[in-house]
C-alpha atoms as a PDB file:
ATOM      1  CA  MET A   1     165.970  61.130-118.960  1.00  0.00           C
ATOM      2  CA  GLY A   2     163.549  60.834-116.119  1.00  0.00           C
ATOM      3  CA  SER A   3     165.860  60.031-112.267  1.00  0.00           C
ATOM      4  CA  PRO A   4     164.427  57.740-110.212  1.00  0.00           C
ATOM      5  CA  GLY A   5     165.677  59.663-107.060  1.00  0.00           C
ATOM      6  CA  ALA A   6     167.566  58.552-104.004  1.00  0.00           C
ATOM      7  CA  GLU A   7     165.202  57.867-101.922  1.00  0.00           C
ATOM      8  CA  GLU A   8     165.271  53.724-102.676  1.00  0.00           C
ATOM      9  CA  TRP A   9     168.704  53.998-101.046  1.00  0.00           C
ATOM     10  CA  VAL A  10     168.584  56.623 -97.980  1.00  0.00           C
ATOM     11  CA  PRO A  11     168.283  54.723 -94.466  1.00  0.00           C
ATOM     12  CA  HIS A  12     165.583  55.943 -92.032  1.00  0.00           C
ATOM     13  CA  ASP A  13     167.094  54.055 -89.224  1.00  0.00           C
ATOM     14  CA  GLY A  14     171.107  54.289 -87.798  1.00  0.00           C
ATOM     15  CA  GLY A  15     173.063  57.007 -87.788  1.00  0.00           C
ATOM     16  CA  MET A  16     175.542  58.728 -90.229  1.00  0.00           C
ATOM     17  CA  ARG A  17     177.947  55.109 -90.402  1.00  0.00           C
ATOM     18  CA  LYS A  18     174.666  53.492 -91.760  1.00  0.00           C
ATOM     19  CA  VAL A  19     174.295  56.935 -94.415  1.00  0.00           C
ATOM     20  CA  ARG A  20     177.581  56.823 -95.323  1.00  0.00           C
ATOM     21  CA  ALA A  21     177.776  52.556 -95.596  1.00  0.00           C
ATOM     22  CA  LEU A  22     174.550  52.832 -98.337  1.00  0.00           C
ATOM     23  CA  LEU A  23     175.704  56.202 -99.984  1.00  0.00           C
ATOM     24  CA  PRO A  24     178.408  54.461-102.256  1.00  0.00           C
ATOM     25  CA  ASP A  25     174.789  51.734-103.670  1.00  0.00           C
ATOM     26  CA  CYS A  26     173.375  54.495-104.721  1.00  0.00           C
ATOM     27  CA  ARG A  27     171.742  54.952-108.530  1.00  0.00           C
ATOM     28  CA  GLY A  28     169.215  58.060-107.852  1.00  0.00           C
ATOM     29  CA  CYS A  29     170.014  59.920-110.900  1.00  0.00           C
ATOM     30  CA  GLU A  30     173.010  58.649-113.806  1.00  0.00           C
ATOM     31  CA  LEU A  31     176.145  61.164-111.856  1.00  0.00           C
ATOM     32  CA  TRP A  32     177.506  57.446-110.388  1.00  0.00           C
ATOM     33  CA  GLU A  33     178.989  55.755-113.861  1.00  0.00           C
ATOM     34  CA  ASP A  34     180.943  59.039-114.844  1.00  0.00           C
ATOM     35  CA  ALA A  35     182.325  59.485-111.326  1.00  0.00           C
ATOM     36  CA  ASP A  36     185.053  58.469-109.519  1.00  0.00           C
ATOM     37  CA  GLN A  37     183.124  57.686-106.577  1.00  0.00           C
ATOM     38  CA  VAL A  38     180.444  59.439-104.136  1.00  0.00           C
ATOM     39  CA  VAL A  39     181.854  61.993-101.347  1.00  0.00           C
ATOM     40  CA  PRO A  40     180.203  61.767 -98.896  1.00  0.00           C
ATOM     41  CA  GLY A  41     179.221  64.941 -95.642  1.00  0.00           C
ATOM     42  CA  GLU A  42     181.669  65.213 -93.369  1.00  0.00           C
ATOM     43  CA  GLY A  43     182.149  66.382 -89.605  1.00  0.00           C
ATOM     44  CA  PRO A  44     180.466  66.301 -85.915  1.00  0.00           C
ATOM     45  CA  VAL A  45     177.308  64.449 -85.669  1.00  0.00           C
ATOM     46  CA  ARG A  46     175.942  66.999 -82.858  1.00  0.00           C
ATOM     47  CA  SER A  47     177.213  70.108 -85.290  1.00  0.00           C
ATOM     48  CA  ARG A  48     175.850  72.905 -84.123  1.00  0.00           C
ATOM     49  CA  MET A  49     176.625  74.436 -87.646  1.00  0.00           C
ATOM     50  CA  MET A  50     175.939  72.795 -90.933  1.00  0.00           C
ATOM     51  CA  LEU A  51     177.527  74.202 -94.168  1.00  0.00           C
ATOM     52  CA  VAL A  52     175.525  72.922 -97.623  1.00  0.00           C
ATOM     53  CA  GLY A  53     177.638  73.023-100.561  1.00  0.00           C
ATOM     54  CA  GLU A  54     177.169  72.748-104.382  1.00  0.00           C
ATOM     55  CA  THR A  55     178.902  69.062-105.823  1.00  0.00           C
ATOM     56  CA  PRO A  56     181.720  67.704-105.306  1.00  0.00           C
ATOM     57  CA  GLY A  57     184.881  69.028-107.411  1.00  0.00           C
ATOM     58  CA  ASP A  58     187.693  67.264-109.437  1.00  0.00           C
ATOM     59  CA  HIS A  59     189.665  66.966-106.173  1.00  0.00           C
ATOM     60  CA  GLU A  60     187.021  65.277-103.996  1.00  0.00           C
ATOM     61  CA  ASP A  61     185.980  63.318-106.656  1.00  0.00           C
ATOM     62  CA  LYS A  62     189.578  62.040-106.768  1.00  0.00           C
ATOM     63  CA  GLU A  63     190.453  61.897-103.073  1.00  0.00           C
ATOM     64  CA  GLY A  64     187.331  60.940-101.540  1.00  0.00           C
ATOM     65  CA  HIS A  65     186.346  64.264 -99.018  1.00  0.00           C
ATOM     66  CA  VAL A  66     184.225  67.527 -99.184  1.00  0.00           C
ATOM     67  CA  PHE A  67     186.280  70.685 -99.811  1.00  0.00           C
ATOM     68  CA  VAL A  68     189.523  69.738-100.776  1.00  0.00           C
ATOM     69  CA  GLY A  69     190.035  71.724-103.848  1.00  0.00           C
ATOM     70  CA  PRO A  70     190.934  75.723-104.240  1.00  0.00           C
ATOM     71  CA  ALA A  71     187.123  75.832-103.175  1.00  0.00           C
ATOM     72  CA  GLY A  72     187.908  73.701 -99.899  1.00  0.00           C
ATOM     73  CA  HIS A  73     191.054  76.029 -99.041  1.00  0.00           C
ATOM     74  CA  LEU A  74     189.313  79.552 -99.537  1.00  0.00           C
ATOM     75  CA  LEU A  75     186.495  78.120 -97.739  1.00  0.00           C
ATOM     76  CA  ASP A  76     189.514  76.984 -94.958  1.00  0.00           C
ATOM     77  CA  LYS A  77     190.462  80.689 -94.611  1.00  0.00           C
ATOM     78  CA  ALA A  78     187.278  82.308 -94.742  1.00  0.00           C
ATOM     79  CA  LEU A  79     186.138  80.095 -91.850  1.00  0.00           C
ATOM     80  CA  ALA A  80     189.569  80.806 -89.938  1.00  0.00           C
ATOM     81  CA  GLU A  81     188.899  84.302 -90.950  1.00  0.00           C
ATOM     82  CA  ALA A  82     185.132  84.783 -89.561  1.00  0.00           C
ATOM     83  CA  GLY A  83     186.235  82.593 -86.344  1.00  0.00           C
ATOM     84  CA  ILE A  84     184.882  79.118 -86.745  1.00  0.00           C
ATOM     85  CA  ASP A  85     187.037  76.491 -86.369  1.00  0.00           C
ATOM     86  CA  ARG A  86     186.042  73.747 -89.849  1.00  0.00           C
ATOM     87  CA  ALA A  87     186.516  70.707 -87.062  1.00  0.00           C
ATOM     88  CA  GLN A  88     183.821  71.651 -85.414  1.00  0.00           C
ATOM     89  CA  VAL A  89     181.271  72.600 -88.432  1.00  0.00           C
ATOM     90  CA  TYR A  90     179.580  69.634 -90.676  1.00  0.00           C
ATOM     91  CA  LEU A  91     180.276  70.238 -94.400  1.00  0.00           C
ATOM     92  CA  THR A  92     178.201  68.325 -97.577  1.00  0.00           C
ATOM     93  CA  ASN A  93     176.984  68.936-100.715  1.00  0.00           C
ATOM     94  CA  ALA A  94     173.471  69.128-102.143  1.00  0.00           C
ATOM     95  CA  VAL A  95     174.301  66.551-105.199  1.00  0.00           C
ATOM     96  CA  LYS A  96     176.938  64.030-103.816  1.00  0.00           C
ATOM     97  CA  HIS A  97     178.343  62.502-107.152  1.00  0.00           C
ATOM     98  CA  PHE A  98     180.992  64.932-109.239  1.00  0.00           C
ATOM     99  CA  ARG A  99     179.512  66.612-112.071  1.00  0.00           C
ATOM    100  CA  PHE A 100     181.712  66.829-115.372  1.00  0.00           C
ATOM    101  CA  GLU A 101     181.943  67.386-118.744  1.00  0.00           C
ATOM    102  CA  ARG A 102     185.854  66.672-120.584  1.00  0.00           C
ATOM    103  CA  GLN A 103     188.026  68.794-122.305  1.00  0.00           C
ATOM    104  CA  GLY A 104     190.447  66.894-123.699  1.00  0.00           C
ATOM    105  CA  LYS A 105     192.263  65.570-119.858  1.00  0.00           C
ATOM    106  CA  ARG A 106     190.736  67.574-117.983  1.00  0.00           C
ATOM    107  CA  ARG A 107     187.063  67.038-116.327  1.00  0.00           C
ATOM    108  CA  ILE A 108     185.330  70.542-116.302  1.00  0.00           C
ATOM    109  CA  HIS A 109     183.166  71.175-113.750  1.00  0.00           C
ATOM    110  CA  LYS A 110     179.388  71.367-114.976  1.00  0.00           C
ATOM    111  CA  THR A 111     176.369  72.305-112.559  1.00  0.00           C
ATOM    112  CA  PRO A 112     174.060  69.675-111.734  1.00  0.00           C
ATOM    113  CA  SER A 113     170.514  69.646-113.506  1.00  0.00           C
ATOM    114  CA  ALA A 114     167.340  70.662-111.733  1.00  0.00           C
ATOM    115  CA  GLY A 115     166.386  66.634-111.600  1.00  0.00           C
ATOM    116  CA  GLN A 116     170.157  65.443-110.179  1.00  0.00           C
ATOM    117  CA  ILE A 117     169.267  68.267-107.308  1.00  0.00           C
ATOM    118  CA  THR A 118     165.703  66.951-106.753  1.00  0.00           C
ATOM    119  CA  ALA A 119     166.961  63.458-107.312  1.00  0.00           C
ATOM    120  CA  CYS A 120     170.002  63.231-104.860  1.00  0.00           C
ATOM    121  CA  ARG A 121     167.968  65.921-102.441  1.00  0.00           C
ATOM    122  CA  PRO A 122     166.765  62.642-100.133  1.00  0.00           C
ATOM    123  CA  TRP A 123     170.550  62.053 -98.690  1.00  0.00           C
ATOM    124  CA  LEU A 124     170.843  66.091 -97.682  1.00  0.00           C
ATOM    125  CA  VAL A 125     167.263  65.803 -96.156  1.00  0.00           C
ATOM    126  CA  ARG A 126     168.763  62.593 -93.856  1.00  0.00           C
ATOM    127  CA  GLU A 127     172.387  64.304 -92.820  1.00  0.00           C
ATOM    128  CA  LEU A 128     169.492  67.435 -91.787  1.00  0.00           C
ATOM    129  CA  GLU A 129     167.670  65.349 -89.354  1.00  0.00           C
ATOM    130  CA  ILE A 130     171.079  63.083 -88.119  1.00  0.00           C
ATOM    131  CA  VAL A 131     172.822  66.094 -87.736  1.00  0.00           C
ATOM    132  CA  LYS A 132     170.226  68.335 -86.150  1.00  0.00           C
ATOM    133  CA  PRO A 133     171.919  71.553 -87.054  1.00  0.00           C
ATOM    134  CA  GLU A 134     171.002  74.980 -85.012  1.00  0.00           C
ATOM    135  CA  LEU A 135     171.656  76.885 -88.402  1.00  0.00           C
ATOM    136  CA  VAL A 136     172.200  76.055 -92.128  1.00  0.00           C
ATOM    137  CA  VAL A 137     175.031  77.891 -94.207  1.00  0.00           C
ATOM    138  CA  VAL A 138     173.203  77.114 -98.211  1.00  0.00           C
ATOM    139  CA  MET A 139     176.696  78.276-100.320  1.00  0.00           C
ATOM    140  CA  GLY A 140     175.574  78.923-104.174  1.00  0.00           C
ATOM    141  CA  SER A 141     172.497  78.550-106.044  1.00  0.00           C
ATOM    142  CA  VAL A 142     172.317  74.587-106.254  1.00  0.00           C
ATOM    143  CA  ALA A 143     172.443  74.430-102.266  1.00  0.00           C
ATOM    144  CA  ALA A 144     169.516  76.857-102.342  1.00  0.00           C
ATOM    145  CA  LYS A 145     167.453  75.240-104.821  1.00  0.00           C
ATOM    146  CA  ALA A 146     167.773  71.979-102.829  1.00  0.00           C
ATOM    147  CA  LEU A 147     166.891  73.827 -99.471  1.00  0.00           C
ATOM    148  CA  LEU A 148     165.057  76.793-100.519  1.00  0.00           C
ATOM    149  CA  GLY A 149     163.648  76.630-103.437  1.00  0.00           C
ATOM    150  CA  SER A 150     163.607  76.767-106.933  1.00  0.00           C
ATOM    151  CA  ALA A 151     162.248  80.782-106.991  1.00  0.00           C
ATOM    152  CA  PHE A 152     165.181  81.758-104.069  1.00  0.00           C
ATOM    153  CA  ARG A 153     168.204  83.888-105.376  1.00  0.00           C
ATOM    154  CA  VAL A 154     170.933  84.376-103.371  1.00  0.00           C
ATOM    155  CA  THR A 155     172.432  87.755-105.345  1.00  0.00           C
ATOM    156  CA  GLN A 156     169.497  89.144-103.230  1.00  0.00           C
ATOM    157  CA  GLU A 157     168.705  86.938-100.043  1.00  0.00           C
ATOM    158  CA  ARG A 158     172.734  86.371 -99.541  1.00  0.00           C
ATOM    159  CA  GLY A 159     173.748  87.608 -95.911  1.00  0.00           C
ATOM    160  CA  LYS A 160     170.125  87.254 -94.102  1.00  0.00           C
ATOM    161  CA  ARG A 161     168.583  84.867 -92.018  1.00  0.00           C
ATOM    162  CA  VAL A 162     166.186  82.892 -93.627  1.00  0.00           C
ATOM    163  CA  GLU A 163     163.861  80.205 -92.823  1.00  0.00           C
ATOM    164  CA  LEU A 164     164.188  76.117 -94.745  1.00  0.00           C
ATOM    165  CA  PRO A 165     161.178  75.480 -94.632  1.00  0.00           C
ATOM    166  CA  ASP A 166     161.233  73.545 -91.682  1.00  0.00           C
ATOM    167  CA  GLY A 167     161.783  76.967 -89.764  1.00  0.00           C
ATOM    168  CA  ARG A 168     165.369  76.097 -89.543  1.00  0.00           C
ATOM    169  CA  PRO A 169     167.423  79.658 -89.436  1.00  0.00           C
ATOM    170  CA  ALA A 170     169.710  79.256 -92.164  1.00  0.00           C
ATOM    171  CA  VAL A 171     171.965  81.963 -94.085  1.00  0.00           C
ATOM    172  CA  ALA A 172     172.251  82.051 -97.585  1.00  0.00           C
ATOM    173  CA  THR A 173     175.984  82.954 -99.789  1.00  0.00           C
ATOM    174  CA  VAL A 174     177.945  82.318-102.445  1.00  0.00           C
ATOM    175  CA  HIS A 175     179.940  79.192-103.316  1.00  0.00           C
ATOM    176  CA  PRO A 176     183.707  79.471-101.894  1.00  0.00           C
ATOM    177  CA  SER A 177     184.412  78.581-106.019  1.00  0.00           C
ATOM    178  CA  ALA A 178     182.598  81.830-107.346  1.00  0.00           C
ATOM    179  CA  VAL A 179     185.174  83.788-104.360  1.00  0.00           C
ATOM    180  CA  VAL A 180     188.250  81.778-106.210  1.00  0.00           C
ATOM    181  CA  ARG A 181     187.260  83.021-109.474  1.00  0.00           C
ATOM    182  CA  SER A 182     186.057  86.163-108.567  1.00  0.00           C
ATOM    183  CA  ASP A 183     188.191  89.333-110.758  1.00  0.00           C
ATOM    184  CA  GLU A 184     187.842  91.586-107.452  1.00  0.00           C
ATOM    185  CA  PHE A 185     188.520  88.822-105.273  1.00  0.00           C
ATOM    186  CA  ARG A 186     189.629  90.876-102.448  1.00  0.00           C
ATOM    187  CA  ARG A 187     186.099  92.162-101.834  1.00  0.00           C
ATOM    188  CA  ASP A 188     184.380  89.323-102.517  1.00  0.00           C
ATOM    189  CA  PHE A 189     186.560  87.660-100.458  1.00  0.00           C
ATOM    190  CA  GLY A 190     185.747  89.801 -97.756  1.00  0.00           C
ATOM    191  CA  ARG A 191     181.994  89.830 -98.162  1.00  0.00           C
ATOM    192  CA  PHE A 192     181.551  85.876 -98.263  1.00  0.00           C
ATOM    193  CA  VAL A 193     183.676  86.031 -94.576  1.00  0.00           C
ATOM    194  CA  ASP A 194     181.367  89.025 -93.501  1.00  0.00           C
ATOM    195  CA  ASP A 195     178.276  86.017 -94.744  1.00  0.00           C
ATOM    196  CA  LEU A 196     179.517  83.750 -92.333  1.00  0.00           C
ATOM    197  CA  ARG A 197     179.800  85.869 -89.417  1.00  0.00           C
ATOM    198  CA  VAL A 198     176.464  86.901 -90.019  1.00  0.00           C
ATOM    199  CA  ALA A 199     175.917  83.247 -89.333  1.00  0.00           C
ATOM    200  CA  ILE A 200     178.262  82.894 -85.968  1.00  0.00           C
ATOM    201  CA  GLY A 201     176.398  85.751 -84.548  1.00  0.00           C
ATOM    202  CA  LEU A 202     172.630  83.867 -85.482  1.00  0.00           C
ATOM    203  CA  LEU A 203     174.323  81.252 -82.869  1.00  0.00           C
ATOM    204  CA  GLY A 204     174.960  83.314 -80.190  1.00  0.00           C
END
């Protein structure tokens, strides 16, 4: 089933307050039907660094805030270790509604489809226009598809300086949820922190 895409709901004037006000109305794809609520980005509107994740999880969908579940707690720890103040960065997701499948009473995260990523992309583009970050940290394959194209491979390019299509510098890394689930937790947490340190280094 084709999605109309979010474009007709995205405001092209006004700031982040207007974006947050209009996001709940979006019907650009079908994910709004089952999710509890839309989860907007958060952080200072003039942040030098923007971190883009994949999609809200169960905790985020219930609370309406980004990165408040297990992956968010790990991200907080990694940011602190890398010397980044979470309160100084803008955090958002490539897809703004939780995609899941039910297993009994549990809601299990499901990766958004290519169509859903494309449908939601206009919101992310507008956030970039408003925040104007000097650097973007792209976390996970969904964010990479939205910002760097479907051919981009996080596994091959992580921790290096890359450029978004608009020429803005970026660093790709894994999504913190992948570190949470890792069998080699200490190693993978260390690598994740190293990638964040690369991002800090590029900001200078």
